[in-house]
Amino acid sequence: TIKNLFTDGQEESIFPDGTIVRVQRDGSKMIEFNNGQRELHT
């Protein structure tokens, strides 16, 4: 798993199965699954 921590406070995690999770500074989270589904958490 690869996690990127950006200087503006955003985070991005890339999992071995291809799932990508992006966390914004406000705490909202976007998840992109390898099956084409996306999920947004606010």
ModelCIF file with pLDDT and N, C-alpha, C, O atoms, coordinates in Angstrom:
data_MODEL
#
_entry.id   MODEL 
#
_entity.id                         1 
_entity.type                       polymer 
_entity.pdbx_number_of_molecules   1 
#
_entity_poly.entity_id                      1 
_entity_poly.type                           'polypeptide(L)' 
_entity_poly.nstd_linkage                   no 
_entity_poly.nstd_monomer                   no 
_entity_poly.pdbx_seq_one_letter_code       TIKNLFTDGQEESIFPDGTIVRVQRDGSKMIEFNNGQRELHT 
_entity_poly.pdbx_seq_one_letter_code_can   TIKNLFTDGQEESIFPDGTIVRVQRDGSKMIEFNNGQRELHT 
_entity_poly.pdbx_strand_id                 A 
#
loop_
_entity_poly_seq.entity_id 
_entity_poly_seq.num 
_entity_poly_seq.mon_id 
_entity_poly_seq.hetero 
1 1  THR n 
1 2  ILE n 
1 3  LYS n 
1 4  ASN n 
1 5  LEU n 
1 6  PHE n 
1 7  THR n 
1 8  ASP n 
1 9  GLY n 
1 10 GLN n 
1 11 GLU n 
1 12 GLU n 
1 13 SER n 
1 14 ILE n 
1 15 PHE n 
1 16 PRO n 
1 17 ASP n 
1 18 GLY n 
1 19 THR n 
1 20 ILE n 
1 21 VAL n 
1 22 ARG n 
1 23 VAL n 
1 24 GLN n 
1 25 ARG n 
1 26 ASP n 
1 27 GLY n 
1 28 SER n 
1 29 LYS n 
1 30 MET n 
1 31 ILE n 
1 32 GLU n 
1 33 PHE n 
1 34 ASN n 
1 35 ASN n 
1 36 GLY n 
1 37 GLN n 
1 38 ARG n 
1 39 GLU n 
1 40 LEU n 
1 41 HIS n 
1 42 THR n 
#
_struct_asym.id          A 
_struct_asym.entity_id   1 
#
loop_
_ma_qa_metric.id 
_ma_qa_metric.mode 
_ma_qa_metric.name 
_ma_qa_metric.software_group_id 
_ma_qa_metric.type 
1 global pLDDT . pLDDT 
2 local  pLDDT . pLDDT 
#
_ma_qa_metric_global.metric_id      1 
_ma_qa_metric_global.metric_value   95.69 
_ma_qa_metric_global.model_id       1 
_ma_qa_metric_global.ordinal_id     1 
#
loop_
_ma_qa_metric_local.label_asym_id 
_ma_qa_metric_local.label_comp_id 
_ma_qa_metric_local.label_seq_id 
_ma_qa_metric_local.metric_id 
_ma_qa_metric_local.metric_value 
_ma_qa_metric_local.model_id 
_ma_qa_metric_local.ordinal_id 
A THR 1  2 97.00 1 1  
A ILE 2  2 98.00 1 2  
A LYS 3  2 98.00 1 3  
A ASN 4  2 98.00 1 4  
A LEU 5  2 97.00 1 5  
A PHE 6  2 96.00 1 6  
A THR 7  2 95.00 1 7  
A ASP 8  2 94.00 1 8  
A GLY 9  2 93.00 1 9  
A GLN 10 2 95.00 1 10 
A GLU 11 2 97.00 1 11 
A GLU 12 2 97.00 1 12 
A SER 13 2 97.00 1 13 
A ILE 14 2 97.00 1 14 
A PHE 15 2 97.00 1 15 
A PRO 16 2 96.00 1 16 
A ASP 17 2 95.00 1 17 
A GLY 18 2 95.00 1 18 
A THR 19 2 96.00 1 19 
A ILE 20 2 97.00 1 20 
A VAL 21 2 97.00 1 21 
A ARG 22 2 97.00 1 22 
A VAL 23 2 96.00 1 23 
A GLN 24 2 94.00 1 24 
A ARG 25 2 91.00 1 25 
A ASP 26 2 91.00 1 26 
A GLY 27 2 91.00 1 27 
A SER 28 2 95.00 1 28 
A LYS 29 2 97.00 1 29 
A MET 30 2 97.00 1 30 
A ILE 31 2 97.00 1 31 
A GLU 32 2 97.00 1 32 
A PHE 33 2 96.00 1 33 
A ASN 34 2 93.00 1 34 
A ASN 35 2 94.00 1 35 
A GLY 36 2 93.00 1 36 
A GLN 37 2 96.00 1 37 
A ARG 38 2 97.00 1 38 
A GLU 39 2 97.00 1 39 
A LEU 40 2 97.00 1 40 
A HIS 41 2 96.00 1 41 
A THR 42 2 95.00 1 42 
#
loop_
_atom_site.group_PDB 
_atom_site.id 
_atom_site.type_symbol 
_atom_site.label_atom_id 
_atom_site.label_alt_id 
_atom_site.label_comp_id 
_atom_site.label_asym_id 
_atom_site.label_entity_id 
_atom_site.label_seq_id 
_atom_site.pdbx_PDB_ins_code 
_atom_site.Cartn_x 
_atom_site.Cartn_y 
_atom_site.Cartn_z 
_atom_site.occupancy 
_atom_site.B_iso_or_equiv 
_atom_site.pdbx_formal_charge 
_atom_site.auth_seq_id 
_atom_site.auth_comp_id 
_atom_site.auth_asym_id 
_atom_site.auth_atom_id 
_atom_site.pdbx_PDB_model_num 
ATOM 1   N N  . THR A 1 1  ? 0.865   -1.173 0.000   1.00 97.00 ? 1  THR A N  1 
ATOM 2   C CA . THR A 1 1  ? 0.000   0.000  0.000   1.00 97.00 ? 1  THR A CA 1 
ATOM 3   C C  . THR A 1 1  ? 0.905   1.227  0.000   1.00 97.00 ? 1  THR A C  1 
ATOM 4   O O  . THR A 1 1  ? 1.905   1.271  0.716   1.00 97.00 ? 1  THR A O  1 
ATOM 5   N N  . ILE A 1 2  ? 0.545   2.224  -0.810  1.00 98.00 ? 2  ILE A N  1 
ATOM 6   C CA . ILE A 1 2  ? 1.327   3.458  -0.887  1.00 98.00 ? 2  ILE A CA 1 
ATOM 7   C C  . ILE A 1 2  ? 0.459   4.598  -0.366  1.00 98.00 ? 2  ILE A C  1 
ATOM 8   O O  . ILE A 1 2  ? -0.674  4.783  -0.811  1.00 98.00 ? 2  ILE A O  1 
ATOM 9   N N  . LYS A 1 3  ? 1.005   5.362  0.584   1.00 98.00 ? 3  LYS A N  1 
ATOM 10  C CA . LYS A 1 3  ? 0.285   6.512  1.130   1.00 98.00 ? 3  LYS A CA 1 
ATOM 11  C C  . LYS A 1 3  ? 1.105   7.768  0.849   1.00 98.00 ? 3  LYS A C  1 
ATOM 12  O O  . LYS A 1 3  ? 2.283   7.847  1.198   1.00 98.00 ? 3  LYS A O  1 
ATOM 13  N N  . ASN A 1 4  ? 0.457   8.752  0.211   1.00 98.00 ? 4  ASN A N  1 
ATOM 14  C CA . ASN A 1 4  ? 1.084   10.043 -0.054  1.00 98.00 ? 4  ASN A CA 1 
ATOM 15  C C  . ASN A 1 4  ? 0.487   11.078 0.883   1.00 98.00 ? 4  ASN A C  1 
ATOM 16  O O  . ASN A 1 4  ? -0.733  11.202 0.986   1.00 98.00 ? 4  ASN A O  1 
ATOM 17  N N  . LEU A 1 5  ? 1.346   11.818 1.564   1.00 97.00 ? 5  LEU A N  1 
ATOM 18  C CA . LEU A 1 5  ? 0.923   12.915 2.431   1.00 97.00 ? 5  LEU A CA 1 
ATOM 19  C C  . LEU A 1 5  ? 1.424   14.201 1.790   1.00 97.00 ? 5  LEU A C  1 
ATOM 20  O O  . LEU A 1 5  ? 2.629   14.429 1.685   1.00 97.00 ? 5  LEU A O  1 
ATOM 21  N N  . PHE A 1 6  ? 0.473   15.048 1.357   1.00 96.00 ? 6  PHE A N  1 
ATOM 22  C CA . PHE A 1 6  ? 0.832   16.264 0.640   1.00 96.00 ? 6  PHE A CA 1 
ATOM 23  C C  . PHE A 1 6  ? 0.962   17.431 1.607   1.00 96.00 ? 6  PHE A C  1 
ATOM 24  O O  . PHE A 1 6  ? 0.405   17.409 2.704   1.00 96.00 ? 6  PHE A O  1 
ATOM 25  N N  . THR A 1 7  ? 1.700   18.443 1.188   1.00 95.00 ? 7  THR A N  1 
ATOM 26  C CA . THR A 1 7  ? 1.978   19.584 2.060   1.00 95.00 ? 7  THR A CA 1 
ATOM 27  C C  . THR A 1 7  ? 0.724   20.397 2.377   1.00 95.00 ? 7  THR A C  1 
ATOM 28  O O  . THR A 1 7  ? 0.695   21.107 3.381   1.00 95.00 ? 7  THR A O  1 
ATOM 29  N N  . ASP A 1 8  ? -0.313  20.306 1.541   1.00 94.00 ? 8  ASP A N  1 
ATOM 30  C CA . ASP A 1 8  ? -1.545  21.064 1.783   1.00 94.00 ? 8  ASP A CA 1 
ATOM 31  C C  . ASP A 1 8  ? -2.508  20.322 2.711   1.00 94.00 ? 8  ASP A C  1 
ATOM 32  O O  . ASP A 1 8  ? -3.631  20.776 2.933   1.00 94.00 ? 8  ASP A O  1 
ATOM 33  N N  . GLY A 1 9  ? -2.067  19.166 3.258   1.00 93.00 ? 9  GLY A N  1 
ATOM 34  C CA . GLY A 1 9  ? -2.906  18.428 4.199   1.00 93.00 ? 9  GLY A CA 1 
ATOM 35  C C  . GLY A 1 9  ? -3.705  17.302 3.570   1.00 93.00 ? 9  GLY A C  1 
ATOM 36  O O  . GLY A 1 9  ? -4.327  16.525 4.294   1.00 93.00 ? 9  GLY A O  1 
ATOM 37  N N  . GLN A 1 10 ? -3.710  17.185 2.253   1.00 95.00 ? 10 GLN A N  1 
ATOM 38  C CA . GLN A 1 10 ? -4.432  16.095 1.598   1.00 95.00 ? 10 GLN A CA 1 
ATOM 39  C C  . GLN A 1 10 ? -3.629  14.806 1.702   1.00 95.00 ? 10 GLN A C  1 
ATOM 40  O O  . GLN A 1 10 ? -2.405  14.823 1.826   1.00 95.00 ? 10 GLN A O  1 
ATOM 41  N N  . GLU A 1 11 ? -4.351  13.685 1.649   1.00 97.00 ? 11 GLU A N  1 
ATOM 42  C CA . GLU A 1 11 ? -3.722  12.368 1.686   1.00 97.00 ? 11 GLU A CA 1 
ATOM 43  C C  . GLU A 1 11 ? -4.273  11.516 0.553   1.00 97.00 ? 11 GLU A C  1 
ATOM 44  O O  . GLU A 1 11 ? -5.414  11.685 0.123   1.00 97.00 ? 11 GLU A O  1 
ATOM 45  N N  . GLU A 1 12 ? -3.442  10.599 0.080   1.00 97.00 ? 12 GLU A N  1 
ATOM 46  C CA . GLU A 1 12 ? -3.879  9.655  -0.945  1.00 97.00 ? 12 GLU A CA 1 
ATOM 47  C C  . GLU A 1 12 ? -3.267  8.300  -0.611  1.00 97.00 ? 12 GLU A C  1 
ATOM 48  O O  . GLU A 1 12 ? -2.061  8.192  -0.388  1.00 97.00 ? 12 GLU A O  1 
ATOM 49  N N  . SER A 1 13 ? -4.112  7.260  -0.577  1.00 97.00 ? 13 SER A N  1 
ATOM 50  C CA . SER A 1 13 ? -3.632  5.899  -0.351  1.00 97.00 ? 13 SER A CA 1 
ATOM 51  C C  . SER A 1 13 ? -3.997  5.059  -1.562  1.00 97.00 ? 13 SER A C  1 
ATOM 52  O O  . SER A 1 13 ? -5.132  5.093  -2.039  1.00 97.00 ? 13 SER A O  1 
ATOM 53  N N  . ILE A 1 14 ? -3.025  4.306  -2.052  1.00 97.00 ? 14 ILE A N  1 
ATOM 54  C CA . ILE A 1 14 ? -3.237  3.416  -3.194  1.00 97.00 ? 14 ILE A CA 1 
ATOM 55  C C  . ILE A 1 14 ? -2.984  1.997  -2.699  1.00 97.00 ? 14 ILE A C  1 
ATOM 56  O O  . ILE A 1 14 ? -1.866  1.654  -2.314  1.00 97.00 ? 14 ILE A O  1 
ATOM 57  N N  . PHE A 1 15 ? -4.036  1.170  -2.713  1.00 97.00 ? 15 PHE A N  1 
ATOM 58  C CA . PHE A 1 15 ? -3.955  -0.175 -2.177  1.00 97.00 ? 15 PHE A CA 1 
ATOM 59  C C  . PHE A 1 15 ? -3.546  -1.160 -3.265  1.00 97.00 ? 15 PHE A C  1 
ATOM 60  O O  . PHE A 1 15 ? -3.745  -0.882 -4.448  1.00 97.00 ? 15 PHE A O  1 
ATOM 61  N N  . PRO A 1 16 ? -2.973  -2.312 -2.888  1.00 96.00 ? 16 PRO A N  1 
ATOM 62  C CA . PRO A 1 16 ? -2.516  -3.288 -3.880  1.00 96.00 ? 16 PRO A CA 1 
ATOM 63  C C  . PRO A 1 16 ? -3.607  -3.739 -4.848  1.00 96.00 ? 16 PRO A C  1 
ATOM 64  O O  . PRO A 1 16 ? -3.300  -4.101 -5.984  1.00 96.00 ? 16 PRO A O  1 
ATOM 65  N N  . ASP A 1 17 ? -4.879  -3.727 -4.427  1.00 95.00 ? 17 ASP A N  1 
ATOM 66  C CA . ASP A 1 17 ? -5.965  -4.160 -5.324  1.00 95.00 ? 17 ASP A CA 1 
ATOM 67  C C  . ASP A 1 17 ? -6.400  -3.066 -6.294  1.00 95.00 ? 17 ASP A C  1 
ATOM 68  O O  . ASP A 1 17 ? -7.312  -3.276 -7.093  1.00 95.00 ? 17 ASP A O  1 
ATOM 69  N N  . GLY A 1 18 ? -5.756  -1.900 -6.231  1.00 95.00 ? 18 GLY A N  1 
ATOM 70  C CA . GLY A 1 18 ? -6.086  -0.806 -7.136  1.00 95.00 ? 18 GLY A CA 1 
ATOM 71  C C  . GLY A 1 18 ? -7.028  0.231  -6.550  1.00 95.00 ? 18 GLY A C  1 
ATOM 72  O O  . GLY A 1 18 ? -7.266  1.267  -7.171  1.00 95.00 ? 18 GLY A O  1 
ATOM 73  N N  . THR A 1 19 ? -7.569  -0.028 -5.362  1.00 96.00 ? 19 THR A N  1 
ATOM 74  C CA . THR A 1 19 ? -8.441  0.946  -4.700  1.00 96.00 ? 19 THR A CA 1 
ATOM 75  C C  . THR A 1 19 ? -7.615  2.176  -4.325  1.00 96.00 ? 19 THR A C  1 
ATOM 76  O O  . THR A 1 19 ? -6.488  2.064  -3.844  1.00 96.00 ? 19 THR A O  1 
ATOM 77  N N  . ILE A 1 20 ? -8.208  3.362  -4.558  1.00 97.00 ? 20 ILE A N  1 
ATOM 78  C CA . ILE A 1 20 ? -7.546  4.624  -4.213  1.00 97.00 ? 20 ILE A CA 1 
ATOM 79  C C  . ILE A 1 20 ? -8.451  5.392  -3.258  1.00 97.00 ? 20 ILE A C  1 
ATOM 80  O O  . ILE A 1 20 ? -9.642  5.561  -3.517  1.00 97.00 ? 20 ILE A O  1 
ATOM 81  N N  . VAL A 1 21 ? -7.868  5.859  -2.138  1.00 97.00 ? 21 VAL A N  1 
ATOM 82  C CA . VAL A 1 21 ? -8.600  6.657  -1.163  1.00 97.00 ? 21 VAL A CA 1 
ATOM 83  C C  . VAL A 1 21 ? -7.921  8.020  -1.075  1.00 97.00 ? 21 VAL A C  1 
ATOM 84  O O  . VAL A 1 21 ? -6.722  8.117  -0.813  1.00 97.00 ? 21 VAL A O  1 
ATOM 85  N N  . ARG A 1 22 ? -8.717  9.078  -1.301  1.00 97.00 ? 22 ARG A N  1 
ATOM 86  C CA . ARG A 1 22 ? -8.194  10.443 -1.181  1.00 97.00 ? 22 ARG A CA 1 
ATOM 87  C C  . ARG A 1 22 ? -8.933  11.141 -0.046  1.00 97.00 ? 22 ARG A C  1 
ATOM 88  O O  . ARG A 1 22 ? -10.163 11.141 -0.001  1.00 97.00 ? 22 ARG A O  1 
ATOM 89  N N  . VAL A 1 23 ? -8.174  11.734 0.866   1.00 96.00 ? 23 VAL A N  1 
ATOM 90  C CA . VAL A 1 23 ? -8.753  12.453 1.996   1.00 96.00 ? 23 VAL A CA 1 
ATOM 91  C C  . VAL A 1 23 ? -8.389  13.929 1.837   1.00 96.00 ? 23 VAL A C  1 
ATOM 92  O O  . VAL A 1 23 ? -7.218  14.291 1.717   1.00 96.00 ? 23 VAL A O  1 
ATOM 93  N N  . GLN A 1 24 ? -9.438  14.779 1.840   1.00 94.00 ? 24 GLN A N  1 
ATOM 94  C CA . GLN A 1 24 ? -9.231  16.218 1.699   1.00 94.00 ? 24 GLN A CA 1 
ATOM 95  C C  . GLN A 1 24 ? -8.935  16.839 3.063   1.00 94.00 ? 24 GLN A C  1 
ATOM 96  O O  . GLN A 1 24 ? -9.085  16.185 4.095   1.00 94.00 ? 24 GLN A O  1 
ATOM 97  N N  . ARG A 1 25 ? -8.518  18.087 3.063   1.00 91.00 ? 25 ARG A N  1 
ATOM 98  C CA . ARG A 1 25 ? -8.211  18.782 4.323   1.00 91.00 ? 25 ARG A CA 1 
ATOM 99  C C  . ARG A 1 25 ? -9.428  18.870 5.227   1.00 91.00 ? 25 ARG A C  1 
ATOM 100 O O  . ARG A 1 25 ? -9.289  18.858 6.450   1.00 91.00 ? 25 ARG A O  1 
ATOM 101 N N  . ASP A 1 26 ? -10.641 18.960 4.636   1.00 91.00 ? 26 ASP A N  1 
ATOM 102 C CA . ASP A 1 26 ? -11.858 19.084 5.444   1.00 91.00 ? 26 ASP A CA 1 
ATOM 103 C C  . ASP A 1 26 ? -12.320 17.737 6.003   1.00 91.00 ? 26 ASP A C  1 
ATOM 104 O O  . ASP A 1 26 ? -13.340 17.663 6.687   1.00 91.00 ? 26 ASP A O  1 
ATOM 105 N N  . GLY A 1 27 ? -11.567 16.672 5.710   1.00 91.00 ? 27 GLY A N  1 
ATOM 106 C CA . GLY A 1 27 ? -11.914 15.348 6.218   1.00 91.00 ? 27 GLY A CA 1 
ATOM 107 C C  . GLY A 1 27 ? -12.768 14.527 5.274   1.00 91.00 ? 27 GLY A C  1 
ATOM 108 O O  . GLY A 1 27 ? -12.955 13.331 5.501   1.00 91.00 ? 27 GLY A O  1 
ATOM 109 N N  . SER A 1 28 ? -13.296 15.143 4.209   1.00 95.00 ? 28 SER A N  1 
ATOM 110 C CA . SER A 1 28 ? -14.091 14.359 3.264   1.00 95.00 ? 28 SER A CA 1 
ATOM 111 C C  . SER A 1 28 ? -13.181 13.366 2.548   1.00 95.00 ? 28 SER A C  1 
ATOM 112 O O  . SER A 1 28 ? -11.989 13.608 2.355   1.00 95.00 ? 28 SER A O  1 
ATOM 113 N N  . LYS A 1 29 ? -13.781 12.239 2.160   1.00 97.00 ? 29 LYS A N  1 
ATOM 114 C CA . LYS A 1 29 ? -13.005 11.130 1.619   1.00 97.00 ? 29 LYS A CA 1 
ATOM 115 C C  . LYS A 1 29 ? -13.635 10.639 0.327   1.00 97.00 ? 29 LYS A C  1 
ATOM 116 O O  . LYS A 1 29 ? -14.846 10.430 0.260   1.00 97.00 ? 29 LYS A O  1 
ATOM 117 N N  . MET A 1 30 ? -12.805 10.454 -0.708  1.00 97.00 ? 30 MET A N  1 
ATOM 118 C CA . MET A 1 30 ? -13.249 9.879  -1.975  1.00 97.00 ? 30 MET A CA 1 
ATOM 119 C C  . MET A 1 30 ? -12.542 8.543  -2.134  1.00 97.00 ? 30 MET A C  1 
ATOM 120 O O  . MET A 1 30 ? -11.316 8.464  -2.058  1.00 97.00 ? 30 MET A O  1 
ATOM 121 N N  . ILE A 1 31 ? -13.329 7.492  -2.356  1.00 97.00 ? 31 ILE A N  1 
ATOM 122 C CA . ILE A 1 31 ? -12.777 6.153  -2.549  1.00 97.00 ? 31 ILE A CA 1 
ATOM 123 C C  . ILE A 1 31 ? -13.113 5.701  -3.964  1.00 97.00 ? 31 ILE A C  1 
ATOM 124 O O  . ILE A 1 31 ? -14.277 5.710  -4.365  1.00 97.00 ? 31 ILE A O  1 
ATOM 125 N N  . GLU A 1 32 ? -12.110 5.311  -4.707  1.00 97.00 ? 32 GLU A N  1 
ATOM 126 C CA . GLU A 1 32 ? -12.306 4.787  -6.060  1.00 97.00 ? 32 GLU A CA 1 
ATOM 127 C C  . GLU A 1 32 ? -11.930 3.312  -6.029  1.00 97.00 ? 32 GLU A C  1 
ATOM 128 O O  . GLU A 1 32 ? -10.776 2.956  -5.789  1.00 97.00 ? 32 GLU A O  1 
ATOM 129 N N  . PHE A 1 33 ? -12.927 2.456  -6.276  1.00 96.00 ? 33 PHE A N  1 
ATOM 130 C CA . PHE A 1 33 ? -12.707 1.017  -6.241  1.00 96.00 ? 33 PHE A CA 1 
ATOM 131 C C  . PHE A 1 33 ? -12.280 0.523  -7.614  1.00 96.00 ? 33 PHE A C  1 
ATOM 132 O O  . PHE A 1 33 ? -12.560 1.167  -8.624  1.00 96.00 ? 33 PHE A O  1 
ATOM 133 N N  . ASN A 1 34 ? -11.603 -0.618 -7.655  1.00 93.00 ? 34 ASN A N  1 
ATOM 134 C CA . ASN A 1 34 ? -11.110 -1.138 -8.926  1.00 93.00 ? 34 ASN A CA 1 
ATOM 135 C C  . ASN A 1 34 ? -12.225 -1.695 -9.811  1.00 93.00 ? 34 ASN A C  1 
ATOM 136 O O  . ASN A 1 34 ? -11.980 -2.029 -10.971 1.00 93.00 ? 34 ASN A O  1 
ATOM 137 N N  . ASN A 1 35 ? -13.459 -1.802 -9.276  1.00 94.00 ? 35 ASN A N  1 
ATOM 138 C CA . ASN A 1 35 ? -14.589 -2.283 -10.084 1.00 94.00 ? 35 ASN A CA 1 
ATOM 139 C C  . ASN A 1 35 ? -15.370 -1.126 -10.712 1.00 94.00 ? 35 ASN A C  1 
ATOM 140 O O  . ASN A 1 35 ? -16.437 -1.335 -11.288 1.00 94.00 ? 35 ASN A O  1 
ATOM 141 N N  . GLY A 1 36 ? -14.835 0.097  -10.600 1.00 93.00 ? 36 GLY A N  1 
ATOM 142 C CA . GLY A 1 36 ? -15.475 1.256  -11.212 1.00 93.00 ? 36 GLY A CA 1 
ATOM 143 C C  . GLY A 1 36 ? -16.397 2.026  -10.272 1.00 93.00 ? 36 GLY A C  1 
ATOM 144 O O  . GLY A 1 36 ? -16.849 3.119  -10.614 1.00 93.00 ? 36 GLY A O  1 
ATOM 145 N N  . GLN A 1 37 ? -16.680 1.477  -9.102  1.00 96.00 ? 37 GLN A N  1 
ATOM 146 C CA . GLN A 1 37 ? -17.526 2.190  -8.144  1.00 96.00 ? 37 GLN A CA 1 
ATOM 147 C C  . GLN A 1 37 ? -16.706 3.269  -7.445  1.00 96.00 ? 37 GLN A C  1 
ATOM 148 O O  . GLN A 1 37 ? -15.491 3.154  -7.282  1.00 96.00 ? 37 GLN A O  1 
ATOM 149 N N  . ARG A 1 38 ? -17.420 4.330  -7.034  1.00 97.00 ? 38 ARG A N  1 
ATOM 150 C CA . ARG A 1 38 ? -16.800 5.425  -6.275  1.00 97.00 ? 38 ARG A CA 1 
ATOM 151 C C  . ARG A 1 38 ? -17.644 5.701  -5.054  1.00 97.00 ? 38 ARG A C  1 
ATOM 152 O O  . ARG A 1 38 ? -18.864 5.543  -5.082  1.00 97.00 ? 38 ARG A O  1 
ATOM 153 N N  . GLU A 1 39 ? -16.998 6.112  -3.987  1.00 97.00 ? 39 GLU A N  1 
ATOM 154 C CA . GLU A 1 39 ? -17.725 6.436  -2.769  1.00 97.00 ? 39 GLU A CA 1 
ATOM 155 C C  . GLU A 1 39 ? -17.199 7.756  -2.236  1.00 97.00 ? 39 GLU A C  1 
ATOM 156 O O  . GLU A 1 39 ? -15.993 7.998  -2.226  1.00 97.00 ? 39 GLU A O  1 
ATOM 157 N N  . LEU A 1 40 ? -18.121 8.610  -1.792  1.00 97.00 ? 40 LEU A N  1 
ATOM 158 C CA . LEU A 1 40 ? -17.767 9.898  -1.218  1.00 97.00 ? 40 LEU A CA 1 
ATOM 159 C C  . LEU A 1 40 ? -18.296 9.931  0.204   1.00 97.00 ? 40 LEU A C  1 
ATOM 160 O O  . LEU A 1 40 ? -19.483 9.697  0.434   1.00 97.00 ? 40 LEU A O  1 
ATOM 161 N N  . HIS A 1 41 ? -17.424 10.221 1.161   1.00 96.00 ? 41 HIS A N  1 
ATOM 162 C CA . HIS A 1 41 ? -17.812 10.346 2.562   1.00 96.00 ? 41 HIS A CA 1 
ATOM 163 C C  . HIS A 1 41 ? -17.617 11.801 2.984   1.00 96.00 ? 41 HIS A C  1 
ATOM 164 O O  . HIS A 1 41 ? -16.523 12.348 2.852   1.00 96.00 ? 41 HIS A O  1 
ATOM 165 N N  . THR A 1 42 ? -18.673 12.421 3.487   1.00 95.00 ? 42 THR A N  1 
ATOM 166 C CA . THR A 1 42 ? -18.571 13.773 4.040   1.00 95.00 ? 42 THR A CA 1 
ATOM 167 C C  . THR A 1 42 ? -19.191 13.748 5.436   1.00 95.00 ? 42 THR A C  1 
ATOM 168 O O  . THR A 1 42 ? -19.227 14.775 6.114   1.00 95.00 ? 42 THR A O  1 
#
